[in-house]
Amino acid sequence: GVRRETPVAAARKVDLSRLSNKGAIVWGSGSSKVTVFSDFHCGYCRA
């Protein structure tokens, strides 16, 4: 994942409500939720 050599983008928000649950892989348990767009070949995603 070292391809990511650009500055971090300015703070912004997206609306996840437009996405269905069909592409969601849910794991873990806790009151807080976090969504991660990932790639299973990405070393930083693994970390």
ModelCIF file with pLDDT and N, C-alpha, C, O atoms, coordinates in Angstrom:
data_MODEL
#
_entry.id   MODEL 
#
_entity.id                         1 
_entity.type                       polymer 
_entity.pdbx_number_of_molecules   1 
#
_entity_poly.entity_id                      1 
_entity_poly.type                           'polypeptide(L)' 
_entity_poly.nstd_linkage                   no 
_entity_poly.nstd_monomer                   no 
_entity_poly.pdbx_seq_one_letter_code       GVRRETPVAAARKVDLSRLSNKGAIVWGSGSSKVTVFSDFHCGYCRA 
_entity_poly.pdbx_seq_one_letter_code_can   GVRRETPVAAARKVDLSRLSNKGAIVWGSGSSKVTVFSDFHCGYCRA 
_entity_poly.pdbx_strand_id                 A 
#
loop_
_entity_poly_seq.entity_id 
_entity_poly_seq.num 
_entity_poly_seq.mon_id 
_entity_poly_seq.hetero 
1 1  GLY n 
1 2  VAL n 
1 3  ARG n 
1 4  ARG n 
1 5  GLU n 
1 6  THR n 
1 7  PRO n 
1 8  VAL n 
1 9  ALA n 
1 10 ALA n 
1 11 ALA n 
1 12 ARG n 
1 13 LYS n 
1 14 VAL n 
1 15 ASP n 
1 16 LEU n 
1 17 SER n 
1 18 ARG n 
1 19 LEU n 
1 20 SER n 
1 21 ASN n 
1 22 LYS n 
1 23 GLY n 
1 24 ALA n 
1 25 ILE n 
1 26 VAL n 
1 27 TRP n 
1 28 GLY n 
1 29 SER n 
1 30 GLY n 
1 31 SER n 
1 32 SER n 
1 33 LYS n 
1 34 VAL n 
1 35 THR n 
1 36 VAL n 
1 37 PHE n 
1 38 SER n 
1 39 ASP n 
1 40 PHE n 
1 41 HIS n 
1 42 CYS n 
1 43 GLY n 
1 44 TYR n 
1 45 CYS n 
1 46 ARG n 
1 47 ALA n 
#
_struct_asym.id          A 
_struct_asym.entity_id   1 
#
loop_
_ma_qa_metric.id 
_ma_qa_metric.mode 
_ma_qa_metric.name 
_ma_qa_metric.software_group_id 
_ma_qa_metric.type 
1 global pLDDT . pLDDT 
2 local  pLDDT . pLDDT 
#
_ma_qa_metric_global.metric_id      1 
_ma_qa_metric_global.metric_value   80.38 
_ma_qa_metric_global.model_id       1 
_ma_qa_metric_global.ordinal_id     1 
#
loop_
_ma_qa_metric_local.label_asym_id 
_ma_qa_metric_local.label_comp_id 
_ma_qa_metric_local.label_seq_id 
_ma_qa_metric_local.metric_id 
_ma_qa_metric_local.metric_value 
_ma_qa_metric_local.model_id 
_ma_qa_metric_local.ordinal_id 
A GLY 1  2 33.00 1 1  
A VAL 2  2 31.00 1 2  
A ARG 3  2 33.00 1 3  
A ARG 4  2 34.00 1 4  
A GLU 5  2 34.00 1 5  
A THR 6  2 35.00 1 6  
A PRO 7  2 38.00 1 7  
A VAL 8  2 39.00 1 8  
A ALA 9  2 40.00 1 9  
A ALA 10 2 44.00 1 10 
A ALA 11 2 57.00 1 11 
A ARG 12 2 85.00 1 12 
A LYS 13 2 93.00 1 13 
A VAL 14 2 95.00 1 14 
A ASP 15 2 95.00 1 15 
A LEU 16 2 96.00 1 16 
A SER 17 2 94.00 1 17 
A ARG 18 2 89.00 1 18 
A LEU 19 2 95.00 1 19 
A SER 20 2 96.00 1 20 
A ASN 21 2 96.00 1 21 
A LYS 22 2 96.00 1 22 
A GLY 23 2 97.00 1 23 
A ALA 24 2 97.00 1 24 
A ILE 25 2 97.00 1 25 
A VAL 26 2 97.00 1 26 
A TRP 27 2 96.00 1 27 
A GLY 28 2 93.00 1 28 
A SER 29 2 88.00 1 29 
A GLY 30 2 89.00 1 30 
A SER 31 2 86.00 1 31 
A SER 32 2 92.00 1 32 
A LYS 33 2 95.00 1 33 
A VAL 34 2 97.00 1 34 
A THR 35 2 97.00 1 35 
A VAL 36 2 98.00 1 36 
A PHE 37 2 97.00 1 37 
A SER 38 2 96.00 1 38 
A ASP 39 2 93.00 1 39 
A PHE 40 2 94.00 1 40 
A HIS 41 2 89.00 1 41 
A CYS 42 2 89.00 1 42 
A GLY 43 2 87.00 1 43 
A TYR 44 2 89.00 1 44 
A CYS 45 2 93.00 1 45 
A ARG 46 2 92.00 1 46 
A ALA 47 2 92.00 1 47 
#
loop_
_atom_site.group_PDB 
_atom_site.id 
_atom_site.type_symbol 
_atom_site.label_atom_id 
_atom_site.label_alt_id 
_atom_site.label_comp_id 
_atom_site.label_asym_id 
_atom_site.label_entity_id 
_atom_site.label_seq_id 
_atom_site.pdbx_PDB_ins_code 
_atom_site.Cartn_x 
_atom_site.Cartn_y 
_atom_site.Cartn_z 
_atom_site.occupancy 
_atom_site.B_iso_or_equiv 
_atom_site.pdbx_formal_charge 
_atom_site.auth_seq_id 
_atom_site.auth_comp_id 
_atom_site.auth_asym_id 
_atom_site.auth_atom_id 
_atom_site.pdbx_PDB_model_num 
ATOM 1   N N  . GLY A 1 1  ? 0.798   -1.212 0.000  1.00 33.00 ? 1  GLY A N  1 
ATOM 2   C CA . GLY A 1 1  ? 0.000   0.000  0.000  1.00 33.00 ? 1  GLY A CA 1 
ATOM 3   C C  . GLY A 1 1  ? 0.831   1.261  0.000  1.00 33.00 ? 1  GLY A C  1 
ATOM 4   O O  . GLY A 1 1  ? 0.291   2.329  0.292  1.00 33.00 ? 1  GLY A O  1 
ATOM 5   N N  . VAL A 1 2  ? 2.133   1.201  -0.315 1.00 31.00 ? 2  VAL A N  1 
ATOM 6   C CA . VAL A 1 2  ? 2.963   2.399  -0.283 1.00 31.00 ? 2  VAL A CA 1 
ATOM 7   C C  . VAL A 1 2  ? 2.646   3.338  -1.431 1.00 31.00 ? 2  VAL A C  1 
ATOM 8   O O  . VAL A 1 2  ? 3.220   4.424  -1.525 1.00 31.00 ? 2  VAL A O  1 
ATOM 9   N N  . ARG A 1 3  ? 1.761   2.939  -2.281 1.00 33.00 ? 3  ARG A N  1 
ATOM 10  C CA . ARG A 1 3  ? 1.323   3.824  -3.354 1.00 33.00 ? 3  ARG A CA 1 
ATOM 11  C C  . ARG A 1 3  ? 0.686   5.097  -2.794 1.00 33.00 ? 3  ARG A C  1 
ATOM 12  O O  . ARG A 1 3  ? 0.666   6.130  -3.463 1.00 33.00 ? 3  ARG A O  1 
ATOM 13  N N  . ARG A 1 4  ? 0.162   5.020  -1.559 1.00 34.00 ? 4  ARG A N  1 
ATOM 14  C CA . ARG A 1 4  ? -0.505  6.164  -0.955 1.00 34.00 ? 4  ARG A CA 1 
ATOM 15  C C  . ARG A 1 4  ? 0.524   7.139  -0.429 1.00 34.00 ? 4  ARG A C  1 
ATOM 16  O O  . ARG A 1 4  ? 0.847   7.127  0.759  1.00 34.00 ? 4  ARG A O  1 
ATOM 17  N N  . GLU A 1 5  ? 1.056   8.008  -1.331 1.00 34.00 ? 5  GLU A N  1 
ATOM 18  C CA . GLU A 1 5  ? 2.095   8.956  -0.953 1.00 34.00 ? 5  GLU A CA 1 
ATOM 19  C C  . GLU A 1 5  ? 1.634   10.381 -1.195 1.00 34.00 ? 5  GLU A C  1 
ATOM 20  O O  . GLU A 1 5  ? 2.432   11.246 -1.556 1.00 34.00 ? 5  GLU A O  1 
ATOM 21  N N  . THR A 1 6  ? 0.346   10.624 -0.996 1.00 35.00 ? 6  THR A N  1 
ATOM 22  C CA . THR A 1 6  ? -0.199  11.947 -1.180 1.00 35.00 ? 6  THR A CA 1 
ATOM 23  C C  . THR A 1 6  ? -0.644  12.490 0.161  1.00 35.00 ? 6  THR A C  1 
ATOM 24  O O  . THR A 1 6  ? -0.913  11.719 1.081  1.00 35.00 ? 6  THR A O  1 
ATOM 25  N N  . PRO A 1 7  ? -0.727  13.826 0.289  1.00 38.00 ? 7  PRO A N  1 
ATOM 26  C CA . PRO A 1 7  ? -1.159  14.392 1.561  1.00 38.00 ? 7  PRO A CA 1 
ATOM 27  C C  . PRO A 1 7  ? -2.570  13.936 1.927  1.00 38.00 ? 7  PRO A C  1 
ATOM 28  O O  . PRO A 1 7  ? -3.390  13.661 1.051  1.00 38.00 ? 7  PRO A O  1 
ATOM 29  N N  . VAL A 1 8  ? -2.839  13.859 3.217  1.00 39.00 ? 8  VAL A N  1 
ATOM 30  C CA . VAL A 1 8  ? -4.175  13.492 3.663  1.00 39.00 ? 8  VAL A CA 1 
ATOM 31  C C  . VAL A 1 8  ? -5.148  14.573 3.235  1.00 39.00 ? 8  VAL A C  1 
ATOM 32  O O  . VAL A 1 8  ? -4.865  15.764 3.363  1.00 39.00 ? 8  VAL A O  1 
ATOM 33  N N  . ALA A 1 9  ? -6.307  14.147 2.721  1.00 40.00 ? 9  ALA A N  1 
ATOM 34  C CA . ALA A 1 9  ? -7.288  15.108 2.251  1.00 40.00 ? 9  ALA A CA 1 
ATOM 35  C C  . ALA A 1 9  ? -7.881  15.886 3.424  1.00 40.00 ? 9  ALA A C  1 
ATOM 36  O O  . ALA A 1 9  ? -7.858  15.432 4.568  1.00 40.00 ? 9  ALA A O  1 
ATOM 37  N N  . ALA A 1 10 ? -8.404  17.053 3.115  1.00 44.00 ? 10 ALA A N  1 
ATOM 38  C CA . ALA A 1 10 ? -9.042  17.852 4.151  1.00 44.00 ? 10 ALA A CA 1 
ATOM 39  C C  . ALA A 1 10 ? -10.236 17.089 4.721  1.00 44.00 ? 10 ALA A C  1 
ATOM 40  O O  . ALA A 1 10 ? -10.824 16.245 4.045  1.00 44.00 ? 10 ALA A O  1 
ATOM 41  N N  . ALA A 1 11 ? -10.589 17.396 5.976  1.00 57.00 ? 11 ALA A N  1 
ATOM 42  C CA . ALA A 1 11 ? -11.685 16.704 6.641  1.00 57.00 ? 11 ALA A CA 1 
ATOM 43  C C  . ALA A 1 11 ? -12.957 16.822 5.810  1.00 57.00 ? 11 ALA A C  1 
ATOM 44  O O  . ALA A 1 11 ? -13.293 17.900 5.318  1.00 57.00 ? 11 ALA A O  1 
ATOM 45  N N  . ARG A 1 12 ? -13.656 15.710 5.660  1.00 85.00 ? 12 ARG A N  1 
ATOM 46  C CA . ARG A 1 12 ? -14.899 15.718 4.902  1.00 85.00 ? 12 ARG A CA 1 
ATOM 47  C C  . ARG A 1 12 ? -15.777 14.598 5.390  1.00 85.00 ? 12 ARG A C  1 
ATOM 48  O O  . ARG A 1 12 ? -15.345 13.751 6.172  1.00 85.00 ? 12 ARG A O  1 
ATOM 49  N N  . LYS A 1 13 ? -17.017 14.590 4.925  1.00 93.00 ? 13 LYS A N  1 
ATOM 50  C CA . LYS A 1 13 ? -17.957 13.559 5.317  1.00 93.00 ? 13 LYS A CA 1 
ATOM 51  C C  . LYS A 1 13 ? -18.619 12.957 4.089  1.00 93.00 ? 13 LYS A C  1 
ATOM 52  O O  . LYS A 1 13 ? -18.736 13.602 3.047  1.00 93.00 ? 13 LYS A O  1 
ATOM 53  N N  . VAL A 1 14 ? -19.050 11.706 4.229  1.00 95.00 ? 14 VAL A N  1 
ATOM 54  C CA . VAL A 1 14 ? -19.786 11.029 3.173  1.00 95.00 ? 14 VAL A CA 1 
ATOM 55  C C  . VAL A 1 14 ? -21.048 10.441 3.784  1.00 95.00 ? 14 VAL A C  1 
ATOM 56  O O  . VAL A 1 14 ? -21.130 10.223 4.993  1.00 95.00 ? 14 VAL A O  1 
ATOM 57  N N  . ASP A 1 15 ? -22.023 10.191 2.931  1.00 95.00 ? 15 ASP A N  1 
ATOM 58  C CA . ASP A 1 15 ? -23.301 9.627  3.370  1.00 95.00 ? 15 ASP A CA 1 
ATOM 59  C C  . ASP A 1 15 ? -23.328 8.142  3.045  1.00 95.00 ? 15 ASP A C  1 
ATOM 60  O O  . ASP A 1 15 ? -23.499 7.753  1.889  1.00 95.00 ? 15 ASP A O  1 
ATOM 61  N N  . LEU A 1 16 ? -23.160 7.313  4.074  1.00 96.00 ? 16 LEU A N  1 
ATOM 62  C CA . LEU A 1 16 ? -23.137 5.861  3.877  1.00 96.00 ? 16 LEU A CA 1 
ATOM 63  C C  . LEU A 1 16 ? -24.529 5.260  3.745  1.00 96.00 ? 16 LEU A C  1 
ATOM 64  O O  . LEU A 1 16 ? -24.663 4.083  3.408  1.00 96.00 ? 16 LEU A O  1 
ATOM 65  N N  . SER A 1 17 ? -25.559 6.045  4.004  1.00 94.00 ? 17 SER A N  1 
ATOM 66  C CA . SER A 1 17 ? -26.921 5.505  3.970  1.00 94.00 ? 17 SER A CA 1 
ATOM 67  C C  . SER A 1 17 ? -27.342 5.068  2.571  1.00 94.00 ? 17 SER A C  1 
ATOM 68  O O  . SER A 1 17 ? -28.319 4.337  2.408  1.00 94.00 ? 17 SER A O  1 
ATOM 69  N N  . ARG A 1 18 ? -26.607 5.515  1.576  1.00 89.00 ? 18 ARG A N  1 
ATOM 70  C CA . ARG A 1 18 ? -26.939 5.135  0.196  1.00 89.00 ? 18 ARG A CA 1 
ATOM 71  C C  . ARG A 1 18 ? -26.460 3.727  -0.143 1.00 89.00 ? 18 ARG A C  1 
ATOM 72  O O  . ARG A 1 18 ? -26.841 3.161  -1.168 1.00 89.00 ? 18 ARG A O  1 
ATOM 73  N N  . LEU A 1 19 ? -25.626 3.172  0.722  1.00 95.00 ? 19 LEU A N  1 
ATOM 74  C CA . LEU A 1 19 ? -25.120 1.826  0.490  1.00 95.00 ? 19 LEU A CA 1 
ATOM 75  C C  . LEU A 1 19 ? -26.018 0.786  1.159  1.00 95.00 ? 19 LEU A C  1 
ATOM 76  O O  . LEU A 1 19 ? -26.470 0.979  2.288  1.00 95.00 ? 19 LEU A O  1 
ATOM 77  N N  . SER A 1 20 ? -26.271 -0.314 0.454  1.00 96.00 ? 20 SER A N  1 
ATOM 78  C CA . SER A 1 20 ? -27.034 -1.401 1.064  1.00 96.00 ? 20 SER A CA 1 
ATOM 79  C C  . SER A 1 20 ? -26.102 -2.230 1.942  1.00 96.00 ? 20 SER A C  1 
ATOM 80  O O  . SER A 1 20 ? -24.898 -1.977 1.981  1.00 96.00 ? 20 SER A O  1 
ATOM 81  N N  . ASN A 1 21 ? -26.645 -3.201 2.633  1.00 96.00 ? 21 ASN A N  1 
ATOM 82  C CA . ASN A 1 21 ? -25.843 -4.072 3.494  1.00 96.00 ? 21 ASN A CA 1 
ATOM 83  C C  . ASN A 1 21 ? -25.224 -5.241 2.727  1.00 96.00 ? 21 ASN A C  1 
ATOM 84  O O  . ASN A 1 21 ? -24.494 -6.045 3.306  1.00 96.00 ? 21 ASN A O  1 
ATOM 85  N N  . LYS A 1 22 ? -25.509 -5.335 1.448  1.00 96.00 ? 22 LYS A N  1 
ATOM 86  C CA . LYS A 1 22 ? -25.061 -6.509 0.683  1.00 96.00 ? 22 LYS A CA 1 
ATOM 87  C C  . LYS A 1 22 ? -23.542 -6.595 0.554  1.00 96.00 ? 22 LYS A C  1 
ATOM 88  O O  . LYS A 1 22 ? -22.992 -7.689 0.421  1.00 96.00 ? 22 LYS A O  1 
ATOM 89  N N  . GLY A 1 23 ? -22.866 -5.460 0.591  1.00 97.00 ? 23 GLY A N  1 
ATOM 90  C CA . GLY A 1 23 ? -21.415 -5.476 0.446  1.00 97.00 ? 23 GLY A CA 1 
ATOM 91  C C  . GLY A 1 23 ? -20.684 -5.281 1.747  1.00 97.00 ? 23 GLY A C  1 
ATOM 92  O O  . GLY A 1 23 ? -19.483 -5.014 1.752  1.00 97.00 ? 23 GLY A O  1 
ATOM 93  N N  . ALA A 1 24 ? -21.399 -5.410 2.864  1.00 97.00 ? 24 ALA A N  1 
ATOM 94  C CA . ALA A 1 24 ? -20.803 -5.176 4.177  1.00 97.00 ? 24 ALA A CA 1 
ATOM 95  C C  . ALA A 1 24 ? -20.350 -6.487 4.815  1.00 97.00 ? 24 ALA A C  1 
ATOM 96  O O  . ALA A 1 24 ? -21.129 -7.433 4.927  1.00 97.00 ? 24 ALA A O  1 
ATOM 97  N N  . ILE A 1 25 ? -19.105 -6.533 5.226  1.00 97.00 ? 25 ILE A N  1 
ATOM 98  C CA . ILE A 1 25 ? -18.548 -7.675 5.966  1.00 97.00 ? 25 ILE A CA 1 
ATOM 99  C C  . ILE A 1 25 ? -18.395 -7.205 7.411  1.00 97.00 ? 25 ILE A C  1 
ATOM 100 O O  . ILE A 1 25 ? -17.487 -6.439 7.730  1.00 97.00 ? 25 ILE A O  1 
ATOM 101 N N  . VAL A 1 26 ? -19.276 -7.664 8.265  1.00 97.00 ? 26 VAL A N  1 
ATOM 102 C CA . VAL A 1 26 ? -19.341 -7.161 9.636  1.00 97.00 ? 26 VAL A CA 1 
ATOM 103 C C  . VAL A 1 26 ? -18.639 -8.121 10.592 1.00 97.00 ? 26 VAL A C  1 
ATOM 104 O O  . VAL A 1 26 ? -18.886 -9.327 10.586 1.00 97.00 ? 26 VAL A O  1 
ATOM 105 N N  . TRP A 1 27 ? -17.762 -7.555 11.408 1.00 96.00 ? 27 TRP A N  1 
ATOM 106 C CA . TRP A 1 27 ? -17.085 -8.359 12.416 1.00 96.00 ? 27 TRP A CA 1 
ATOM 107 C C  . TRP A 1 27 ? -16.755 -7.487 13.632 1.00 96.00 ? 27 TRP A C  1 
ATOM 108 O O  . TRP A 1 27 ? -16.796 -6.259 13.559 1.00 96.00 ? 27 TRP A O  1 
ATOM 109 N N  . GLY A 1 28 ? -16.435 -8.128 14.726 1.00 93.00 ? 28 GLY A N  1 
ATOM 110 C CA . GLY A 1 28 ? -16.179 -7.404 15.956 1.00 93.00 ? 28 GLY A CA 1 
ATOM 111 C C  . GLY A 1 28 ? -17.473 -7.092 16.682 1.00 93.00 ? 28 GLY A C  1 
ATOM 112 O O  . GLY A 1 28 ? -18.562 -7.323 16.156 1.00 93.00 ? 28 GLY A O  1 
ATOM 113 N N  . SER A 1 29 ? -17.352 -6.575 17.874 1.00 88.00 ? 29 SER A N  1 
ATOM 114 C CA . SER A 1 29 ? -18.538 -6.210 18.656 1.00 88.00 ? 29 SER A CA 1 
ATOM 115 C C  . SER A 1 29 ? -18.206 -5.003 19.513 1.00 88.00 ? 29 SER A C  1 
ATOM 116 O O  . SER A 1 29 ? -17.124 -4.907 20.091 1.00 88.00 ? 29 SER A O  1 
ATOM 117 N N  . GLY A 1 30 ? -19.141 -4.101 19.581 1.00 89.00 ? 30 GLY A N  1 
ATOM 118 C CA . GLY A 1 30 ? -18.925 -2.897 20.369 1.00 89.00 ? 30 GLY A CA 1 
ATOM 119 C C  . GLY A 1 30 ? -19.998 -1.884 20.052 1.00 89.00 ? 30 GLY A C  1 
ATOM 120 O O  . GLY A 1 30 ? -20.653 -1.971 19.013 1.00 89.00 ? 30 GLY A O  1 
ATOM 121 N N  . SER A 1 31 ? -20.182 -0.929 20.932 1.00 86.00 ? 31 SER A N  1 
ATOM 122 C CA . SER A 1 31 ? -21.213 0.080  20.724 1.00 86.00 ? 31 SER A CA 1 
ATOM 123 C C  . SER A 1 31 ? -20.838 1.045  19.610 1.00 86.00 ? 31 SER A C  1 
ATOM 124 O O  . SER A 1 31 ? -21.713 1.578  18.927 1.00 86.00 ? 31 SER A O  1 
ATOM 125 N N  . SER A 1 32 ? -19.540 1.274  19.422 1.00 92.00 ? 32 SER A N  1 
ATOM 126 C CA . SER A 1 32 ? -19.083 2.151  18.347 1.00 92.00 ? 32 SER A CA 1 
ATOM 127 C C  . SER A 1 32 ? -18.945 1.362  17.056 1.00 92.00 ? 32 SER A C  1 
ATOM 128 O O  . SER A 1 32 ? -18.543 0.198  17.062 1.00 92.00 ? 32 SER A O  1 
ATOM 129 N N  . LYS A 1 33 ? -19.284 2.008  15.954 1.00 95.00 ? 33 LYS A N  1 
ATOM 130 C CA . LYS A 1 33 ? -19.176 1.364  14.647 1.00 95.00 ? 33 LYS A CA 1 
ATOM 131 C C  . LYS A 1 33 ? -18.254 2.182  13.750 1.00 95.00 ? 33 LYS A C  1 
ATOM 132 O O  . LYS A 1 33 ? -18.229 3.411  13.812 1.00 95.00 ? 33 LYS A O  1 
ATOM 133 N N  . VAL A 1 34 ? -17.507 1.481  12.926 1.00 97.00 ? 34 VAL A N  1 
ATOM 134 C CA . VAL A 1 34 ? -16.628 2.153  11.970 1.00 97.00 ? 34 VAL A CA 1 
ATOM 135 C C  . VAL A 1 34 ? -16.654 1.374  10.664 1.00 97.00 ? 34 VAL A C  1 
ATOM 136 O O  . VAL A 1 34 ? -16.609 0.144  10.663 1.00 97.00 ? 34 VAL A O  1 
ATOM 137 N N  . THR A 1 35 ? -16.726 2.086  9.573  1.00 97.00 ? 35 THR A N  1 
ATOM 138 C CA . THR A 1 35 ? -16.727 1.468  8.243  1.00 97.00 ? 35 THR A CA 1 
ATOM 139 C C  . THR A 1 35 ? -15.348 1.636  7.627  1.00 97.00 ? 35 THR A C  1 
ATOM 140 O O  . THR A 1 35 ? -14.759 2.716  7.680  1.00 97.00 ? 35 THR A O  1 
ATOM 141 N N  . VAL A 1 36 ? -14.836 0.557  7.042  1.00 98.00 ? 36 VAL A N  1 
ATOM 142 C CA . VAL A 1 36 ? -13.497 0.588  6.445  1.00 98.00 ? 36 VAL A CA 1 
ATOM 143 C C  . VAL A 1 36 ? -13.574 0.124  4.997  1.00 98.00 ? 36 VAL A C  1 
ATOM 144 O O  . VAL A 1 36 ? -13.991 -1.001 4.723  1.00 98.00 ? 36 VAL A O  1 
ATOM 145 N N  . PHE A 1 37 ? -13.176 0.983  4.079  1.00 97.00 ? 37 PHE A N  1 
ATOM 146 C CA . PHE A 1 37 ? -13.015 0.587  2.680  1.00 97.00 ? 37 PHE A CA 1 
ATOM 147 C C  . PHE A 1 37 ? -11.589 0.060  2.555  1.00 97.00 ? 37 PHE A C  1 
ATOM 148 O O  . PHE A 1 37 ? -10.622 0.790  2.774  1.00 97.00 ? 37 PHE A O  1 
ATOM 149 N N  . SER A 1 38 ? -11.475 -1.214 2.200  1.00 96.00 ? 38 SER A N  1 
ATOM 150 C CA . SER A 1 38 ? -10.181 -1.884 2.300  1.00 96.00 ? 38 SER A CA 1 
ATOM 151 C C  . SER A 1 38 ? -9.909  -2.749 1.083  1.00 96.00 ? 38 SER A C  1 
ATOM 152 O O  . SER A 1 38 ? -10.767 -2.943 0.222  1.00 96.00 ? 38 SER A O  1 
ATOM 153 N N  . ASP A 1 39 ? -8.690  -3.261 1.040  1.00 93.00 ? 39 ASP A N  1 
ATOM 154 C CA . ASP A 1 39 ? -8.267  -4.214 0.014  1.00 93.00 ? 39 ASP A CA 1 
ATOM 155 C C  . ASP A 1 39 ? -7.483  -5.306 0.736  1.00 93.00 ? 39 ASP A C  1 
ATOM 156 O O  . ASP A 1 39 ? -6.556  -5.010 1.490  1.00 93.00 ? 39 ASP A O  1 
ATOM 157 N N  . PHE A 1 40 ? -7.848  -6.553 0.510  1.00 94.00 ? 40 PHE A N  1 
ATOM 158 C CA . PHE A 1 40 ? -7.226  -7.645 1.251  1.00 94.00 ? 40 PHE A CA 1 
ATOM 159 C C  . PHE A 1 40 ? -5.778  -7.921 0.838  1.00 94.00 ? 40 PHE A C  1 
ATOM 160 O O  . PHE A 1 40 ? -5.113  -8.763 1.442  1.00 94.00 ? 40 PHE A O  1 
ATOM 161 N N  . HIS A 1 41 ? -5.290  -7.220 -0.181 1.00 89.00 ? 41 HIS A N  1 
ATOM 162 C CA . HIS A 1 41 ? -3.883  -7.304 -0.551 1.00 89.00 ? 41 HIS A CA 1 
ATOM 163 C C  . HIS A 1 41 ? -3.075  -6.108 -0.035 1.00 89.00 ? 41 HIS A C  1 
ATOM 164 O O  . HIS A 1 41 ? -1.886  -5.982 -0.328 1.00 89.00 ? 41 HIS A O  1 
ATOM 165 N N  . CYS A 1 42 ? -3.723  -5.244 0.725  1.00 89.00 ? 42 CYS A N  1 
ATOM 166 C CA . CYS A 1 42 ? -3.086  -4.021 1.217  1.00 89.00 ? 42 CYS A CA 1 
ATOM 167 C C  . CYS A 1 42 ? -2.495  -4.258 2.598  1.00 89.00 ? 42 CYS A C  1 
ATOM 168 O O  . CYS A 1 42 ? -3.215  -4.598 3.537  1.00 89.00 ? 42 CYS A O  1 
ATOM 169 N N  . GLY A 1 43 ? -1.184  -4.079 2.720  1.00 87.00 ? 43 GLY A N  1 
ATOM 170 C CA . GLY A 1 43 ? -0.518  -4.294 3.994  1.00 87.00 ? 43 GLY A CA 1 
ATOM 171 C C  . GLY A 1 43 ? -0.986  -3.352 5.080  1.00 87.00 ? 43 GLY A C  1 
ATOM 172 O O  . GLY A 1 43 ? -1.066  -3.751 6.242  1.00 87.00 ? 43 GLY A O  1 
ATOM 173 N N  . TYR A 1 44 ? -1.302  -2.096 4.734  1.00 89.00 ? 44 TYR A N  1 
ATOM 174 C CA . TYR A 1 44 ? -1.776  -1.143 5.722  1.00 89.00 ? 44 TYR A CA 1 
ATOM 175 C C  . TYR A 1 44 ? -3.188  -1.480 6.189  1.00 89.00 ? 44 TYR A C  1 
ATOM 176 O O  . TYR A 1 44 ? -3.547  -1.219 7.337  1.00 89.00 ? 44 TYR A O  1 
ATOM 177 N N  . CYS A 1 45 ? -3.985  -2.060 5.296  1.00 93.00 ? 45 CYS A N  1 
ATOM 178 C CA . CYS A 1 45 ? -5.325  -2.497 5.687  1.00 93.00 ? 45 CYS A CA 1 
ATOM 179 C C  . CYS A 1 45 ? -5.218  -3.635 6.698  1.00 93.00 ? 45 CYS A C  1 
ATOM 180 O O  . CYS A 1 45 ? -5.976  -3.703 7.666  1.00 93.00 ? 45 CYS A O  1 
ATOM 181 N N  . ARG A 1 46 ? -4.273  -4.512 6.453  1.00 92.00 ? 46 ARG A N  1 
ATOM 182 C CA . ARG A 1 46 ? -4.046  -5.605 7.399  1.00 92.00 ? 46 ARG A CA 1 
ATOM 183 C C  . ARG A 1 46 ? -3.631  -5.064 8.764  1.00 92.00 ? 46 ARG A C  1 
ATOM 184 O O  . ARG A 1 46 ? -4.138  -5.508 9.794  1.00 92.00 ? 46 ARG A O  1 
ATOM 185 N N  . ALA A 1 47 ? -2.704  -4.100 8.767  1.00 92.00 ? 47 ALA A N  1 
ATOM 186 C CA . ALA A 1 47 ? -2.255  -3.502 10.017 1.00 92.00 ? 47 ALA A CA 1 
ATOM 187 C C  . ALA A 1 47 ? -3.405  -2.793 10.729 1.00 92.00 ? 47 ALA A C  1 
ATOM 188 O O  . ALA A 1 47 ? -3.210  -2.227 11.805 1.00 92.00 ? 47 ALA A O  1 
#
